Amino acid sequence: MTPKISGISVTEPVAKPTGSGGSGVVAEKSPGEGPAAPSATAQTGDHVTLTDSARSLQKIEAAVAKTPVVNAQKVADVKHAIGSGTYKIDAARIAGKLLNFERGLK
């Protein structure tokens, strides 16, 4: 069957294959080379250095991951206020926040 997309050959891969060594370097092999043949372009190892900003972001990410999603003290305070009948609903504030949210969706 002939490909219907022009400009792409069936015999040529669309993307180059990557090696399984993890370095991302793929060496071209001649037909006579076996899998154990050394490659002139292969790297011996990878080295990564993080900047101070990256280290700071890692620390911040770890701190955020440890922070609970729910503020337990605030929930307890609201439950107590509802139970005692002192919880006040500010309808104007709620309406304003709803309008700001709607404006943000556009």
N, C-alpha and C. Protein backbone atom coordinates (compact mmCIF):
# COMPACT_ATOMS: atom_id res chain seq x y z
N MET A 1 0.84 -1.17 0.00
CA MET A 1 0.00 0.00 0.00
C MET A 1 0.89 1.24 0.00
N THR A 2 0.58 2.21 -0.79
CA THR A 2 1.34 3.44 -0.92
C THR A 2 0.86 4.45 0.10
N PRO A 3 1.81 5.12 0.81
CA PRO A 3 1.38 6.14 1.78
C PRO A 3 0.66 7.29 1.07
N LYS A 4 -0.37 7.81 1.72
CA LYS A 4 -1.16 8.88 1.12
C LYS A 4 -0.63 10.26 1.51
N ILE A 5 0.28 10.32 2.48
CA ILE A 5 0.85 11.60 2.88
C ILE A 5 2.10 11.81 2.05
N SER A 6 2.15 12.90 1.32
CA SER A 6 3.30 13.14 0.45
C SER A 6 4.47 13.67 1.26
N GLY A 7 5.67 13.36 0.80
CA GLY A 7 6.87 13.87 1.44
C GLY A 7 7.43 12.97 2.53
N ILE A 8 6.75 11.88 2.87
CA ILE A 8 7.23 10.97 3.90
C ILE A 8 7.45 9.61 3.27
N SER A 9 8.64 9.10 3.43
CA SER A 9 8.98 7.80 2.88
C SER A 9 8.73 6.73 3.94
N VAL A 10 8.27 5.58 3.53
CA VAL A 10 8.00 4.50 4.46
C VAL A 10 9.31 3.90 4.97
N THR A 11 10.37 3.97 4.18
CA THR A 11 11.63 3.36 4.58
C THR A 11 12.42 4.23 5.54
N GLU A 12 12.14 5.52 5.65
CA GLU A 12 12.85 6.41 6.56
C GLU A 12 12.00 6.66 7.80
N PRO A 13 12.59 6.48 9.00
CA PRO A 13 11.82 6.77 10.22
C PRO A 13 11.56 8.27 10.35
N VAL A 14 10.43 8.61 10.94
CA VAL A 14 10.07 10.00 11.14
C VAL A 14 10.98 10.63 12.19
N ALA A 15 11.26 9.93 13.27
CA ALA A 15 12.14 10.42 14.32
C ALA A 15 13.27 9.43 14.49
N LYS A 16 14.46 9.93 14.81
CA LYS A 16 15.60 9.05 15.02
C LYS A 16 15.39 8.23 16.29
N PRO A 17 15.75 6.96 16.28
CA PRO A 17 15.61 6.16 17.49
C PRO A 17 16.66 6.58 18.52
N THR A 18 16.31 6.44 19.79
CA THR A 18 17.26 6.76 20.84
C THR A 18 17.77 5.48 21.45
N GLY A 19 18.97 5.54 21.98
CA GLY A 19 19.60 4.37 22.57
C GLY A 19 19.03 4.08 23.95
N SER A 20 19.37 2.92 24.49
CA SER A 20 18.87 2.56 25.81
C SER A 20 19.89 2.86 26.89
N GLY A 21 21.01 3.49 26.53
CA GLY A 21 22.05 3.81 27.49
C GLY A 21 21.70 4.96 28.41
N GLY A 22 20.68 5.73 28.09
CA GLY A 22 20.27 6.84 28.94
C GLY A 22 20.96 8.14 28.62
N SER A 23 22.03 8.11 27.80
CA SER A 23 22.74 9.35 27.52
C SER A 23 22.11 10.12 26.38
N GLY A 24 21.23 9.48 25.59
CA GLY A 24 20.58 10.16 24.49
C GLY A 24 21.45 10.25 23.26
N VAL A 25 22.68 9.70 23.31
CA VAL A 25 23.58 9.73 22.17
C VAL A 25 23.40 8.44 21.39
N VAL A 26 23.15 8.54 20.10
CA VAL A 26 22.99 7.38 19.25
C VAL A 26 24.12 7.40 18.24
N ALA A 27 24.88 6.33 18.21
CA ALA A 27 25.99 6.24 17.26
C ALA A 27 25.56 5.42 16.07
N GLU A 28 25.97 5.86 14.89
CA GLU A 28 25.68 5.11 13.68
C GLU A 28 26.61 3.90 13.63
N LYS A 29 26.08 2.74 13.31
CA LYS A 29 26.88 1.52 13.22
C LYS A 29 26.96 1.08 11.78
N SER A 30 28.12 0.61 11.41
CA SER A 30 28.24 0.05 10.07
C SER A 30 27.70 -1.37 10.11
N PRO A 31 27.32 -1.97 8.98
CA PRO A 31 26.70 -3.28 8.98
C PRO A 31 27.55 -4.35 9.63
N GLY A 32 28.88 -4.24 9.66
CA GLY A 32 29.71 -5.29 10.23
C GLY A 32 29.88 -5.19 11.72
N GLU A 33 29.50 -4.07 12.36
CA GLU A 33 29.70 -3.91 13.79
C GLU A 33 28.65 -4.68 14.58
N GLY A 34 29.08 -5.28 15.65
CA GLY A 34 28.16 -6.00 16.51
C GLY A 34 27.71 -5.11 17.65
N PRO A 35 26.86 -5.63 18.53
CA PRO A 35 26.35 -4.82 19.63
C PRO A 35 27.42 -4.47 20.66
N ALA A 36 28.54 -5.23 20.71
CA ALA A 36 29.56 -4.97 21.71
C ALA A 36 30.65 -4.04 21.20
N ALA A 37 30.54 -3.57 19.98
CA ALA A 37 31.56 -2.70 19.41
C ALA A 37 31.52 -1.33 20.07
N PRO A 38 32.69 -0.77 20.46
CA PRO A 38 32.68 0.55 21.12
C PRO A 38 32.34 1.64 20.12
N SER A 39 31.71 2.67 20.62
CA SER A 39 31.31 3.80 19.78
C SER A 39 32.22 4.98 20.07
N ALA A 40 32.63 5.67 19.05
CA ALA A 40 33.53 6.81 19.22
C ALA A 40 32.79 8.02 19.78
N THR A 41 31.49 8.10 19.59
CA THR A 41 30.74 9.28 20.04
C THR A 41 29.99 9.05 21.34
N ALA A 42 30.06 7.86 21.92
CA ALA A 42 29.32 7.57 23.15
C ALA A 42 29.97 8.30 24.32
N GLN A 43 29.16 8.79 25.24
CA GLN A 43 29.66 9.48 26.42
C GLN A 43 29.79 8.49 27.56
N THR A 44 30.74 8.73 28.45
CA THR A 44 30.96 7.80 29.55
C THR A 44 29.99 8.04 30.69
N GLY A 45 29.46 9.23 30.86
CA GLY A 45 28.52 9.49 31.93
C GLY A 45 27.94 10.89 31.82
N ASP A 46 26.84 11.10 32.49
CA ASP A 46 26.18 12.40 32.48
C ASP A 46 26.47 13.10 33.80
N HIS A 47 26.50 14.42 33.74
CA HIS A 47 26.72 15.21 34.94
C HIS A 47 25.73 16.37 34.94
N VAL A 48 25.01 16.52 36.04
CA VAL A 48 24.03 17.59 36.15
C VAL A 48 24.39 18.46 37.34
N THR A 49 24.38 19.76 37.15
CA THR A 49 24.63 20.71 38.23
C THR A 49 23.41 21.60 38.36
N LEU A 50 22.87 21.67 39.58
CA LEU A 50 21.70 22.51 39.84
C LEU A 50 22.14 23.89 40.29
N THR A 51 21.45 24.90 39.83
CA THR A 51 21.73 26.26 40.26
C THR A 51 21.13 26.48 41.65
N ASP A 52 21.52 27.57 42.28
CA ASP A 52 20.96 27.90 43.59
C ASP A 52 19.45 28.09 43.50
N SER A 53 18.99 28.67 42.40
CA SER A 53 17.55 28.87 42.21
C SER A 53 16.82 27.53 42.16
N ALA A 54 17.41 26.56 41.45
CA ALA A 54 16.77 25.25 41.34
C ALA A 54 16.73 24.56 42.70
N ARG A 55 17.80 24.71 43.48
CA ARG A 55 17.80 24.11 44.83
C ARG A 55 16.74 24.75 45.71
N SER A 56 16.60 26.08 45.60
CA SER A 56 15.58 26.78 46.37
C SER A 56 14.19 26.31 45.98
N LEU A 57 13.97 26.14 44.68
CA LEU A 57 12.66 25.66 44.21
C LEU A 57 12.37 24.26 44.73
N GLN A 58 13.40 23.41 44.80
CA GLN A 58 13.20 22.06 45.34
C GLN A 58 12.78 22.13 46.80
N LYS A 59 13.41 23.00 47.58
CA LYS A 59 13.06 23.14 49.00
C LYS A 59 11.64 23.67 49.15
N ILE A 60 11.28 24.65 48.33
CA ILE A 60 9.93 25.21 48.39
C ILE A 60 8.90 24.15 48.01
N GLU A 61 9.20 23.38 46.96
CA GLU A 61 8.28 22.32 46.54
C GLU A 61 8.09 21.29 47.65
N ALA A 62 9.15 20.92 48.34
CA ALA A 62 9.05 19.96 49.44
C ALA A 62 8.20 20.53 50.58
N ALA A 63 8.39 21.82 50.88
CA ALA A 63 7.61 22.45 51.95
C ALA A 63 6.13 22.51 51.59
N VAL A 64 5.84 22.84 50.33
CA VAL A 64 4.44 22.92 49.88
C VAL A 64 3.80 21.53 49.92
N ALA A 65 4.57 20.51 49.55
CA ALA A 65 4.03 19.14 49.56
C ALA A 65 3.66 18.70 50.97
N LYS A 66 4.38 19.21 51.98
CA LYS A 66 4.10 18.84 53.38
C LYS A 66 2.95 19.63 53.98
N THR A 67 2.61 20.76 53.38
CA THR A 67 1.56 21.62 53.90
C THR A 67 0.19 21.00 53.65
N PRO A 68 -0.65 20.90 54.66
CA PRO A 68 -1.97 20.32 54.44
C PRO A 68 -2.83 21.22 53.55
N VAL A 69 -3.70 20.60 52.78
CA VAL A 69 -4.56 21.33 51.86
C VAL A 69 -5.63 22.09 52.63
N VAL A 70 -6.06 21.57 53.76
CA VAL A 70 -7.13 22.16 54.55
C VAL A 70 -6.54 22.74 55.83
N ASN A 71 -6.94 23.97 56.16
CA ASN A 71 -6.54 24.60 57.41
C ASN A 71 -7.50 24.09 58.50
N ALA A 72 -7.03 23.14 59.29
CA ALA A 72 -7.89 22.48 60.29
C ALA A 72 -8.40 23.47 61.33
N GLN A 73 -7.57 24.44 61.72
CA GLN A 73 -8.00 25.41 62.72
C GLN A 73 -9.14 26.28 62.20
N LYS A 74 -9.05 26.71 60.94
CA LYS A 74 -10.10 27.54 60.36
C LYS A 74 -11.40 26.75 60.25
N VAL A 75 -11.31 25.48 59.86
CA VAL A 75 -12.50 24.63 59.77
C VAL A 75 -13.15 24.49 61.14
N ALA A 76 -12.35 24.29 62.17
CA ALA A 76 -12.89 24.16 63.53
C ALA A 76 -13.56 25.45 63.97
N ASP A 77 -12.95 26.60 63.64
CA ASP A 77 -13.54 27.89 64.01
C ASP A 77 -14.88 28.11 63.33
N VAL A 78 -14.97 27.76 62.04
CA VAL A 78 -16.23 27.94 61.30
C VAL A 78 -17.30 27.00 61.85
N LYS A 79 -16.93 25.76 62.15
CA LYS A 79 -17.90 24.82 62.73
C LYS A 79 -18.43 25.34 64.06
N HIS A 80 -17.53 25.87 64.86
CA HIS A 80 -17.95 26.40 66.16
C HIS A 80 -18.89 27.60 65.97
N ALA A 81 -18.55 28.50 65.03
CA ALA A 81 -19.38 29.68 64.78
C ALA A 81 -20.76 29.28 64.26
N ILE A 82 -20.82 28.29 63.38
CA ILE A 82 -22.12 27.82 62.86
C ILE A 82 -22.92 27.19 63.99
N GLY A 83 -22.24 26.36 64.79
CA GLY A 83 -22.93 25.69 65.91
C GLY A 83 -23.47 26.67 66.94
N SER A 84 -22.75 27.75 67.17
CA SER A 84 -23.19 28.71 68.17
C SER A 84 -24.10 29.79 67.60
N GLY A 85 -24.26 29.79 66.27
CA GLY A 85 -25.15 30.76 65.64
C GLY A 85 -24.52 32.12 65.41
N THR A 86 -23.22 32.23 65.52
CA THR A 86 -22.55 33.52 65.36
C THR A 86 -21.90 33.67 63.98
N TYR A 87 -22.04 32.70 63.12
CA TYR A 87 -21.43 32.77 61.79
C TYR A 87 -22.22 33.73 60.92
N LYS A 88 -21.55 34.75 60.40
CA LYS A 88 -22.21 35.76 59.58
C LYS A 88 -21.82 35.55 58.11
N ILE A 89 -22.80 35.63 57.23
CA ILE A 89 -22.58 35.50 55.80
C ILE A 89 -22.60 36.90 55.19
N ASP A 90 -21.52 37.27 54.51
CA ASP A 90 -21.42 38.57 53.85
C ASP A 90 -21.78 38.37 52.37
N ALA A 91 -23.06 38.59 52.05
CA ALA A 91 -23.55 38.35 50.70
C ALA A 91 -22.86 39.23 49.67
N ALA A 92 -22.55 40.47 50.00
CA ALA A 92 -21.89 41.38 49.06
C ALA A 92 -20.48 40.88 48.74
N ARG A 93 -19.78 40.38 49.74
CA ARG A 93 -18.43 39.85 49.52
C ARG A 93 -18.48 38.61 48.63
N ILE A 94 -19.42 37.73 48.88
CA ILE A 94 -19.56 36.51 48.07
C ILE A 94 -19.91 36.88 46.63
N ALA A 95 -20.83 37.80 46.45
CA ALA A 95 -21.21 38.23 45.10
C ALA A 95 -20.03 38.85 44.36
N GLY A 96 -19.24 39.66 45.05
CA GLY A 96 -18.06 40.28 44.44
C GLY A 96 -17.05 39.24 43.99
N LYS A 97 -16.82 38.24 44.84
CA LYS A 97 -15.87 37.18 44.47
C LYS A 97 -16.38 36.34 43.31
N LEU A 98 -17.69 36.09 43.27
CA LEU A 98 -18.26 35.35 42.14
C LEU A 98 -18.10 36.13 40.83
N LEU A 99 -18.34 37.44 40.90
CA LEU A 99 -18.17 38.28 39.70
C LEU A 99 -16.71 38.31 39.24
N ASN A 100 -15.78 38.43 40.19
CA ASN A 100 -14.35 38.42 39.82
C ASN A 100 -13.97 37.09 39.19
N PHE A 101 -14.51 36.00 39.71
CA PHE A 101 -14.23 34.68 39.16
C PHE A 101 -14.76 34.58 37.73
N GLU A 102 -15.97 35.02 37.51
CA GLU A 102 -16.57 34.99 36.18
C GLU A 102 -15.77 35.83 35.19
N ARG A 103 -15.31 37.00 35.62
CA ARG A 103 -14.49 37.85 34.75
C ARG A 103 -13.19 37.17 34.38
N GLY A 104 -12.66 36.40 35.29
CA GLY A 104 -11.40 35.69 35.04
C GLY A 104 -11.55 34.55 34.06
N LEU A 105 -12.76 34.04 33.88
CA LEU A 105 -12.98 32.94 32.95
C LEU A 105 -13.02 33.39 31.50
N LYS A 106 -13.26 34.67 31.28
CA LYS A 106 -13.38 35.17 29.90
C LYS A 106 -12.06 35.44 29.27
